[in-house]
Amino acid sequence: MQFHFKETRPWELSDDDWIENIRRLEWLAEKGILGVKEKK
C-alpha cells in the first residue's frame, strides 16, 4: 500500500526525522483502515 503526501518535506527536518514521520503516518493510516474493517 502506498501513501502519497502532497506536502513537501520541511527543510528543518533531517531525512531520518522525515522518514520516521512518514512511517508513523503510514502506521496510523493502516491502523485506521484495519479498525474500520474490524467494525464491519
Protein backbone atom coordinates (compact mmCIF):
# COMPACT_ATOMS: atom_id res chain seq x y z
CA MET A 1 0.00 0.00 0.00
CA GLN A 2 1.41 3.37 -0.98
CA PHE A 3 0.60 6.69 0.62
CA HIS A 4 1.34 9.88 -1.27
CA PHE A 5 1.74 13.10 0.66
CA LYS A 6 1.17 16.42 -1.07
CA GLU A 7 3.28 18.29 1.47
CA THR A 8 6.88 18.90 0.53
CA ARG A 9 9.48 17.88 3.08
CA PRO A 10 10.09 20.62 5.67
CA TRP A 11 13.73 21.56 5.28
CA GLU A 12 14.29 21.82 9.03
CA LEU A 13 13.67 18.09 9.38
CA SER A 14 16.52 15.70 8.78
CA ASP A 15 15.98 12.75 6.44
CA ASP A 16 15.70 10.36 9.39
CA ASP A 17 13.09 12.54 11.11
CA TRP A 18 11.10 12.84 7.88
CA ILE A 19 11.25 9.07 7.25
CA GLU A 20 10.11 8.44 10.84
CA ASN A 21 7.21 10.88 10.35
CA ILE A 22 6.07 9.08 7.19
CA ARG A 23 6.35 5.67 8.87
CA ARG A 24 4.23 6.92 11.77
CA LEU A 25 1.59 8.33 9.39
CA GLU A 26 1.54 5.10 7.39
CA TRP A 27 1.19 3.06 10.60
CA LEU A 28 -1.68 5.24 11.80
CA ALA A 29 -3.35 5.02 8.38
CA GLU A 30 -3.04 1.23 8.38
CA LYS A 31 -4.43 1.00 11.92
CA GLY A 32 -7.30 3.29 10.92
CA ILE A 33 -8.08 1.19 7.84
CA LEU A 34 -7.87 -2.04 9.86
CA GLY A 35 -10.05 -0.51 12.57
CA VAL A 36 -12.74 0.34 10.02
CA LYS A 37 -12.63 -3.19 8.59
CA GLU A 38 -12.98 -4.74 12.06
CA LYS A 39 -16.15 -2.75 12.79
CA LYS A 40 -17.99 -4.05 9.70
